[in-house]
Amino acid sequence: MLFVSACYGIDESGALVSEGLKEQTIKAVENVQKVMQMHGADLDDIVQVTIAIVGPSRDTMIVGNVLDDMFDQQPSKMTFGACWLPFGARVSIQATALVEN
């Protein structure tokens, strides 16, 4: 198993890619993907994601749409609201993947 924790919509310099939730979510998934690739895995190996969102409950649709577009095989999802995230981020994604050693 591979556990990827707390990926945000930040670039290599540590800056948010945008104030927008959609753009931050795309970058957070890309950051999850980079970690997966470092371990010889990809997004299709993910079986569960946990998503924290700062914002109104309707924002879960924005995040859900991005995940639907980026994942070929949809993992189980748990989403919850947060009051605050590091870096001023609006979304944080952690993932659990099944990978072969």
C-alpha atoms as a PDB file:
ATOM      1  CA  MET A   1       0.000   0.000   0.000  1.00  0.00           C
ATOM      2  CA  LEU A   2       1.048   3.562  -0.632  1.00  0.00           C
ATOM      3  CA  PHE A   3      -0.264   6.477   1.403  1.00  0.00           C
ATOM      4  CA  VAL A   4      -0.018   9.962  -0.113  1.00  0.00           C
ATOM      5  CA  SER A   5      -0.935  12.688   2.327  1.00  0.00           C
ATOM      6  CA  ALA A   6      -1.889  16.329   2.097  1.00  0.00           C
ATOM      7  CA  CYS A   7      -1.267  17.368  -1.490  1.00  0.00           C
ATOM      8  CA  TYR A   8      -2.224  20.956  -2.234  1.00  0.00           C
ATOM      9  CA  GLY A   9      -2.596  23.060  -5.353  1.00  0.00           C
ATOM     10  CA  ILE A  10       0.919  24.445  -5.058  1.00  0.00           C
ATOM     11  CA  ASP A  11       3.733  24.557  -7.561  1.00  0.00           C
ATOM     12  CA  GLU A  12       7.373  23.562  -7.092  1.00  0.00           C
ATOM     13  CA  SER A  13       8.151  26.914  -5.451  1.00  0.00           C
ATOM     14  CA  GLY A  14       5.452  26.357  -2.809  1.00  0.00           C
ATOM     15  CA  ALA A  15       3.094  29.001  -4.190  1.00  0.00           C
ATOM     16  CA  LEU A  16      -0.592  28.415  -4.863  1.00  0.00           C
ATOM     17  CA  VAL A  17      -1.235  27.999  -8.569  1.00  0.00           C
ATOM     18  CA  SER A  18      -4.412  30.069  -8.343  1.00  0.00           C
ATOM     19  CA  GLU A  19      -7.062  31.317  -5.964  1.00  0.00           C
ATOM     20  CA  GLY A  20      -9.579  29.233  -7.907  1.00  0.00           C
ATOM     21  CA  LEU A  21     -10.771  25.935  -6.455  1.00  0.00           C
ATOM     22  CA  LYS A  22     -10.810  24.129  -9.816  1.00  0.00           C
ATOM     23  CA  GLU A  23      -7.214  25.085 -10.636  1.00  0.00           C
ATOM     24  CA  GLN A  24      -6.022  24.183  -7.125  1.00  0.00           C
ATOM     25  CA  THR A  25      -7.772  20.815  -7.348  1.00  0.00           C
ATOM     26  CA  ILE A  26      -6.205  20.015 -10.720  1.00  0.00           C
ATOM     27  CA  LYS A  27      -2.740  20.860  -9.375  1.00  0.00           C
ATOM     28  CA  ALA A  28      -3.335  18.879  -6.159  1.00  0.00           C
ATOM     29  CA  VAL A  29      -4.233  15.787  -8.217  1.00  0.00           C
ATOM     30  CA  GLU A  30      -1.168  16.365 -10.400  1.00  0.00           C
ATOM     31  CA  ASN A  31       0.934  16.510  -7.219  1.00  0.00           C
ATOM     32  CA  VAL A  32      -0.609  13.235  -6.020  1.00  0.00           C
ATOM     33  CA  GLN A  33       0.214  11.774  -9.428  1.00  0.00           C
ATOM     34  CA  LYS A  34       3.872  12.859  -9.144  1.00  0.00           C
ATOM     35  CA  VAL A  35       4.220  11.045  -5.824  1.00  0.00           C
ATOM     36  CA  MET A  36       2.544   7.966  -7.286  1.00  0.00           C
ATOM     37  CA  GLN A  37       4.918   7.967 -10.264  1.00  0.00           C
ATOM     38  CA  MET A  38       7.931   8.218  -7.942  1.00  0.00           C
ATOM     39  CA  HIS A  39       6.800   4.869  -6.538  1.00  0.00           C
ATOM     40  CA  GLY A  40       6.084   3.221  -9.893  1.00  0.00           C
ATOM     41  CA  ALA A  41       2.324   3.703  -9.656  1.00  0.00           C
ATOM     42  CA  ASP A  42      -0.329   5.917 -11.216  1.00  0.00           C
ATOM     43  CA  LEU A  43      -3.750   7.344 -10.469  1.00  0.00           C
ATOM     44  CA  ASP A  44      -5.465   4.083 -11.459  1.00  0.00           C
ATOM     45  CA  ASP A  45      -3.845   2.410  -8.431  1.00  0.00           C
ATOM     46  CA  ILE A  46      -5.649   4.726  -6.015  1.00  0.00           C
ATOM     47  CA  VAL A  47      -8.514   3.064  -4.169  1.00  0.00           C
ATOM     48  CA  GLN A  48      -9.504   5.888  -1.793  1.00  0.00           C
ATOM     49  CA  VAL A  49      -9.113   9.663  -1.573  1.00  0.00           C
ATOM     50  CA  THR A  50      -9.869  11.977   1.309  1.00  0.00           C
ATOM     51  CA  ILE A  51     -10.547  15.578   0.352  1.00  0.00           C
ATOM     52  CA  ALA A  52     -10.688  18.616   2.608  1.00  0.00           C
ATOM     53  CA  ILE A  53     -12.341  21.712   1.151  1.00  0.00           C
ATOM     54  CA  VAL A  54     -12.416  25.242   2.538  1.00  0.00           C
ATOM     55  CA  GLY A  55     -15.609  26.781   1.219  1.00  0.00           C
ATOM     56  CA  PRO A  56     -19.335  26.253   0.902  1.00  0.00           C
ATOM     57  CA  SER A  57     -20.740  22.761   0.471  1.00  0.00           C
ATOM     58  CA  ARG A  58     -21.572  23.411  -3.199  1.00  0.00           C
ATOM     59  CA  ASP A  59     -17.805  23.474  -3.848  1.00  0.00           C
ATOM     60  CA  THR A  60     -17.785  19.687  -3.505  1.00  0.00           C
ATOM     61  CA  MET A  61     -19.313  19.551  -7.008  1.00  0.00           C
ATOM     62  CA  ILE A  62     -16.368  21.486  -8.457  1.00  0.00           C
ATOM     63  CA  VAL A  63     -13.865  19.122  -6.852  1.00  0.00           C
ATOM     64  CA  GLY A  64     -15.932  16.070  -7.805  1.00  0.00           C
ATOM     65  CA  ASN A  65     -16.057  17.148 -11.448  1.00  0.00           C
ATOM     66  CA  VAL A  66     -12.269  17.581 -11.561  1.00  0.00           C
ATOM     67  CA  LEU A  67     -11.728  14.142 -10.030  1.00  0.00           C
ATOM     68  CA  ASP A  68     -14.204  12.598 -12.475  1.00  0.00           C
ATOM     69  CA  ASP A  69     -12.221  14.103 -15.351  1.00  0.00           C
ATOM     70  CA  MET A  70      -8.765  13.123 -14.049  1.00  0.00           C
ATOM     71  CA  PHE A  71      -9.379   9.565 -12.835  1.00  0.00           C
ATOM     72  CA  ASP A  72     -10.156   6.775 -15.307  1.00  0.00           C
ATOM     73  CA  GLN A  73     -11.136   4.468 -12.456  1.00  0.00           C
ATOM     74  CA  GLN A  74     -12.991   6.348  -9.744  1.00  0.00           C
ATOM     75  CA  PRO A  75     -11.677   5.687  -6.235  1.00  0.00           C
ATOM     76  CA  SER A  76     -13.806   5.808  -3.134  1.00  0.00           C
ATOM     77  CA  LYS A  77     -14.088   9.418  -1.969  1.00  0.00           C
ATOM     78  CA  MET A  78     -14.583  11.027   1.409  1.00  0.00           C
ATOM     79  CA  THR A  79     -14.973  14.794   1.460  1.00  0.00           C
ATOM     80  CA  PHE A  80     -15.245  17.109   4.422  1.00  0.00           C
ATOM     81  CA  GLY A  81     -15.288  20.826   5.085  1.00  0.00           C
ATOM     82  CA  ALA A  82     -12.344  22.516   6.733  1.00  0.00           C
ATOM     83  CA  CYS A  83     -12.015  25.948   8.305  1.00  0.00           C
ATOM     84  CA  TRP A  84      -8.401  26.393   7.264  1.00  0.00           C
ATOM     85  CA  LEU A  85      -5.662  24.683   5.251  1.00  0.00           C
ATOM     86  CA  PRO A  86      -1.920  25.427   5.028  1.00  0.00           C
ATOM     87  CA  PHE A  87      -0.652  27.812   2.353  1.00  0.00           C
ATOM     88  CA  GLY A  88      -4.112  29.413   2.181  1.00  0.00           C
ATOM     89  CA  ALA A  89      -5.184  26.449   0.059  1.00  0.00           C
ATOM     90  CA  ARG A  90      -8.840  25.729  -0.622  1.00  0.00           C
ATOM     91  CA  VAL A  91      -8.389  21.976  -1.134  1.00  0.00           C
ATOM     92  CA  SER A  92      -6.200  19.181   0.202  1.00  0.00           C
ATOM     93  CA  ILE A  93      -6.136  15.661  -1.200  1.00  0.00           C
ATOM     94  CA  GLN A  94      -4.726  12.516   0.339  1.00  0.00           C
ATOM     95  CA  ALA A  95      -4.799   9.130  -1.309  1.00  0.00           C
ATOM     96  CA  THR A  96      -4.438   5.460  -0.536  1.00  0.00           C
ATOM     97  CA  ALA A  97      -3.215   3.213  -3.321  1.00  0.00           C
ATOM     98  CA  LEU A  98      -2.668  -0.487  -3.798  1.00  0.00           C
ATOM     99  CA  VAL A  99       0.722  -0.982  -5.375  1.00  0.00           C
ATOM    100  CA  GLU A 100       2.823  -4.055  -5.989  1.00  0.00           C
ATOM    101  CA  ASN A 101       6.353  -4.070  -4.617  1.00  0.00           C
END
